[in-house]
N, C-alpha and C. Protein backbone atom coordinates (compact mmCIF):
# COMPACT_ATOMS: atom_id res chain seq x y z
N MET A 1 118.77 114.25 59.56
CA MET A 1 119.13 112.95 60.10
C MET A 1 119.31 113.02 61.61
N THR A 2 119.94 114.09 62.11
CA THR A 2 120.14 114.23 63.55
C THR A 2 118.81 114.35 64.28
N ALA A 3 117.87 115.10 63.69
CA ALA A 3 116.56 115.25 64.32
C ALA A 3 115.83 113.92 64.38
N ALA A 4 115.98 113.11 63.36
CA ALA A 4 115.33 111.80 63.35
C ALA A 4 115.89 110.90 64.45
N LEU A 5 117.19 110.98 64.69
CA LEU A 5 117.79 110.18 65.75
C LEU A 5 117.38 110.68 67.13
N ALA A 6 117.21 112.00 67.27
CA ALA A 6 116.81 112.57 68.56
C ALA A 6 115.37 112.20 68.91
N LEU A 7 114.52 112.02 67.90
CA LEU A 7 113.11 111.71 68.13
C LEU A 7 112.82 110.22 67.98
N GLN A 8 113.81 109.41 68.12
CA GLN A 8 113.68 107.99 67.88
C GLN A 8 112.69 107.31 68.82
N ALA A 9 112.57 107.77 70.05
CA ALA A 9 111.69 107.11 71.02
C ALA A 9 110.26 107.63 70.95
N CYS A 10 110.01 108.68 70.21
CA CYS A 10 108.67 109.25 70.11
C CYS A 10 107.80 108.37 69.21
N SER A 11 106.51 108.37 69.48
CA SER A 11 105.60 107.60 68.65
C SER A 11 104.40 108.46 68.31
N PHE A 12 103.74 108.11 67.23
CA PHE A 12 102.57 108.85 66.80
C PHE A 12 101.28 108.15 67.21
N GLY A 13 101.38 107.12 68.02
CA GLY A 13 100.22 106.34 68.42
C GLY A 13 99.40 106.96 69.53
N GLY A 14 99.79 108.09 70.06
CA GLY A 14 99.07 108.71 71.16
C GLY A 14 99.66 108.31 72.50
N ALA A 15 99.07 108.82 73.54
CA ALA A 15 99.57 108.54 74.89
C ALA A 15 99.25 107.10 75.27
N PRO A 16 100.15 106.43 75.98
CA PRO A 16 99.86 105.06 76.41
C PRO A 16 98.73 105.06 77.43
N SER A 17 97.74 104.21 77.19
CA SER A 17 96.58 104.20 78.07
C SER A 17 95.94 102.82 78.07
N TYR A 18 95.08 102.61 79.06
CA TYR A 18 94.30 101.38 79.19
C TYR A 18 92.84 101.73 78.97
N ILE A 19 92.09 100.81 78.37
CA ILE A 19 90.66 101.02 78.18
C ILE A 19 89.95 100.27 79.31
N ILE A 20 89.25 101.03 80.17
CA ILE A 20 88.52 100.45 81.29
C ILE A 20 87.10 100.97 81.23
N PHE A 21 86.13 100.08 81.12
CA PHE A 21 84.72 100.43 81.02
C PHE A 21 84.47 101.42 79.88
N GLY A 22 85.17 101.27 78.78
CA GLY A 22 84.97 102.10 77.61
C GLY A 22 85.64 103.46 77.66
N ALA A 23 86.37 103.76 78.72
CA ALA A 23 87.06 105.05 78.84
C ALA A 23 88.56 104.80 78.86
N TYR A 24 89.31 105.76 78.35
CA TYR A 24 90.76 105.65 78.32
C TYR A 24 91.36 106.23 79.60
N PHE A 25 92.15 105.44 80.31
CA PHE A 25 92.85 105.90 81.50
C PHE A 25 94.34 105.92 81.19
N PRO A 26 95.00 107.04 81.45
CA PRO A 26 96.44 107.10 81.18
C PRO A 26 97.19 106.08 82.03
N ARG A 27 98.27 105.59 81.48
CA ARG A 27 99.06 104.57 82.18
C ARG A 27 99.63 105.10 83.49
N TRP A 28 100.01 106.39 83.53
CA TRP A 28 100.58 106.94 84.76
C TRP A 28 99.53 106.99 85.86
N LEU A 29 98.25 107.22 85.49
CA LEU A 29 97.19 107.25 86.49
C LEU A 29 96.95 105.85 87.07
N MET A 30 96.93 104.86 86.20
CA MET A 30 96.77 103.49 86.67
C MET A 30 97.95 103.07 87.55
N ALA A 31 99.16 103.51 87.18
CA ALA A 31 100.33 103.19 88.00
C ALA A 31 100.22 103.83 89.37
N GLY A 32 99.71 105.05 89.43
CA GLY A 32 99.52 105.71 90.72
C GLY A 32 98.51 104.98 91.59
N LEU A 33 97.42 104.54 90.99
CA LEU A 33 96.40 103.81 91.76
C LEU A 33 96.94 102.46 92.25
N VAL A 34 97.71 101.79 91.42
CA VAL A 34 98.32 100.52 91.83
C VAL A 34 99.32 100.76 92.95
N GLY A 35 100.07 101.86 92.88
CA GLY A 35 101.03 102.20 93.93
C GLY A 35 100.35 102.49 95.26
N VAL A 36 99.23 103.22 95.22
CA VAL A 36 98.49 103.50 96.46
C VAL A 36 97.95 102.19 97.05
N ALA A 37 97.44 101.32 96.19
CA ALA A 37 96.94 100.03 96.67
C ALA A 37 98.08 99.20 97.28
N ALA A 38 99.25 99.24 96.67
CA ALA A 38 100.40 98.50 97.20
C ALA A 38 100.83 99.05 98.56
N ALA A 39 100.79 100.37 98.72
CA ALA A 39 101.14 100.96 100.01
C ALA A 39 100.14 100.55 101.09
N LEU A 40 98.87 100.51 100.74
CA LEU A 40 97.85 100.07 101.71
C LEU A 40 98.02 98.60 102.07
N VAL A 41 98.32 97.78 101.09
CA VAL A 41 98.55 96.35 101.37
C VAL A 41 99.79 96.18 102.24
N ALA A 42 100.84 96.94 101.96
CA ALA A 42 102.06 96.86 102.78
C ALA A 42 101.76 97.25 104.22
N HIS A 43 100.96 98.29 104.40
CA HIS A 43 100.60 98.71 105.76
C HIS A 43 99.82 97.61 106.48
N ARG A 44 98.87 97.00 105.78
CA ARG A 44 98.07 95.92 106.38
C ARG A 44 98.94 94.71 106.73
N VAL A 45 99.92 94.42 105.89
CA VAL A 45 100.84 93.31 106.19
C VAL A 45 101.66 93.64 107.42
N PHE A 46 102.14 94.88 107.52
CA PHE A 46 102.92 95.28 108.70
C PHE A 46 102.09 95.17 109.97
N VAL A 47 100.83 95.57 109.92
CA VAL A 47 99.97 95.50 111.10
C VAL A 47 99.65 94.05 111.44
N ALA A 48 99.34 93.24 110.43
CA ALA A 48 98.95 91.85 110.67
C ALA A 48 100.11 91.01 111.23
N THR A 49 101.33 91.31 110.82
CA THR A 49 102.47 90.52 111.27
C THR A 49 103.15 91.09 112.51
N GLY A 50 102.76 92.28 112.92
CA GLY A 50 103.37 92.90 114.09
C GLY A 50 104.63 93.68 113.78
N TRP A 51 104.98 93.80 112.51
CA TRP A 51 106.18 94.55 112.12
C TRP A 51 106.02 96.05 112.35
N ASN A 52 104.79 96.51 112.52
CA ASN A 52 104.59 97.95 112.70
C ASN A 52 105.23 98.46 113.99
N ARG A 53 105.45 97.58 114.96
CA ARG A 53 106.14 97.99 116.19
C ARG A 53 107.65 98.01 116.01
N LYS A 54 108.16 97.27 115.01
CA LYS A 54 109.60 97.17 114.81
C LYS A 54 110.14 98.10 113.73
N VAL A 55 109.30 98.48 112.78
CA VAL A 55 109.75 99.29 111.64
C VAL A 55 109.56 100.77 111.98
N PRO A 56 110.65 101.54 112.05
CA PRO A 56 110.50 102.97 112.29
C PRO A 56 110.09 103.68 111.00
N LEU A 57 109.50 104.85 111.14
CA LEU A 57 109.08 105.67 110.00
C LEU A 57 108.23 104.86 109.02
N GLN A 58 107.18 104.28 109.54
CA GLN A 58 106.36 103.36 108.75
C GLN A 58 105.68 104.06 107.57
N LEU A 59 105.30 105.33 107.73
CA LEU A 59 104.70 106.06 106.61
C LEU A 59 105.68 106.17 105.45
N SER A 60 106.93 106.47 105.76
CA SER A 60 107.94 106.57 104.70
C SER A 60 108.21 105.22 104.05
N VAL A 61 108.24 104.17 104.84
CA VAL A 61 108.50 102.83 104.31
C VAL A 61 107.36 102.39 103.40
N CYS A 62 106.13 102.56 103.84
CA CYS A 62 104.98 102.16 103.01
C CYS A 62 104.88 103.03 101.76
N SER A 63 105.19 104.31 101.88
CA SER A 63 105.18 105.18 100.70
C SER A 63 106.25 104.77 99.71
N ALA A 64 107.42 104.38 100.20
CA ALA A 64 108.49 103.92 99.31
C ALA A 64 108.10 102.62 98.62
N ILE A 65 107.44 101.73 99.33
CA ILE A 65 106.98 100.48 98.72
C ILE A 65 105.95 100.79 97.63
N GLY A 66 105.01 101.68 97.92
CA GLY A 66 104.01 102.06 96.92
C GLY A 66 104.63 102.73 95.71
N LEU A 67 105.60 103.61 95.93
CA LEU A 67 106.27 104.28 94.82
C LEU A 67 107.04 103.28 93.96
N THR A 68 107.71 102.34 94.60
CA THR A 68 108.47 101.33 93.86
C THR A 68 107.54 100.48 93.00
N VAL A 69 106.43 100.04 93.57
CA VAL A 69 105.48 99.23 92.81
C VAL A 69 104.88 100.04 91.66
N ALA A 70 104.56 101.32 91.90
CA ALA A 70 103.99 102.16 90.85
C ALA A 70 104.97 102.36 89.70
N VAL A 71 106.23 102.61 90.01
CA VAL A 71 107.23 102.81 88.96
C VAL A 71 107.45 101.51 88.18
N LEU A 72 107.50 100.38 88.87
CA LEU A 72 107.66 99.10 88.18
C LEU A 72 106.45 98.80 87.29
N PHE A 73 105.25 99.08 87.77
CA PHE A 73 104.04 98.88 86.98
C PHE A 73 104.07 99.75 85.73
N TRP A 74 104.46 101.01 85.90
CA TRP A 74 104.51 101.93 84.76
C TRP A 74 105.60 101.52 83.77
N ALA A 75 106.78 101.16 84.29
CA ALA A 75 107.89 100.81 83.41
C ALA A 75 107.63 99.52 82.65
N LEU A 76 107.04 98.53 83.31
CA LEU A 76 106.76 97.27 82.63
C LEU A 76 105.60 97.41 81.64
N GLY A 77 104.72 98.38 81.88
CA GLY A 77 103.60 98.59 80.97
C GLY A 77 103.93 99.39 79.74
N THR A 78 105.07 100.06 79.72
CA THR A 78 105.42 100.90 78.57
C THR A 78 106.22 100.16 77.52
N ARG A 79 106.46 98.89 77.70
CA ARG A 79 107.21 98.12 76.70
C ARG A 79 106.37 97.85 75.50
């Protein structure tokens, strides 16, 4: 009984993945790609609005934005 409660979140359905062009892509890989795209978009927004002169450590800020979007994408996709 204790082992069954410890393994309560496990599933036998396989790894969570998306089917794209007939191939299975793991959800974590898609989340990483979405995060990289979000970081690039954030950088472009900073440059277009002129915030790149006001925001210090822009690489860290854009990386944090990308990481946040990737984690949210992954977490919302695992429901």
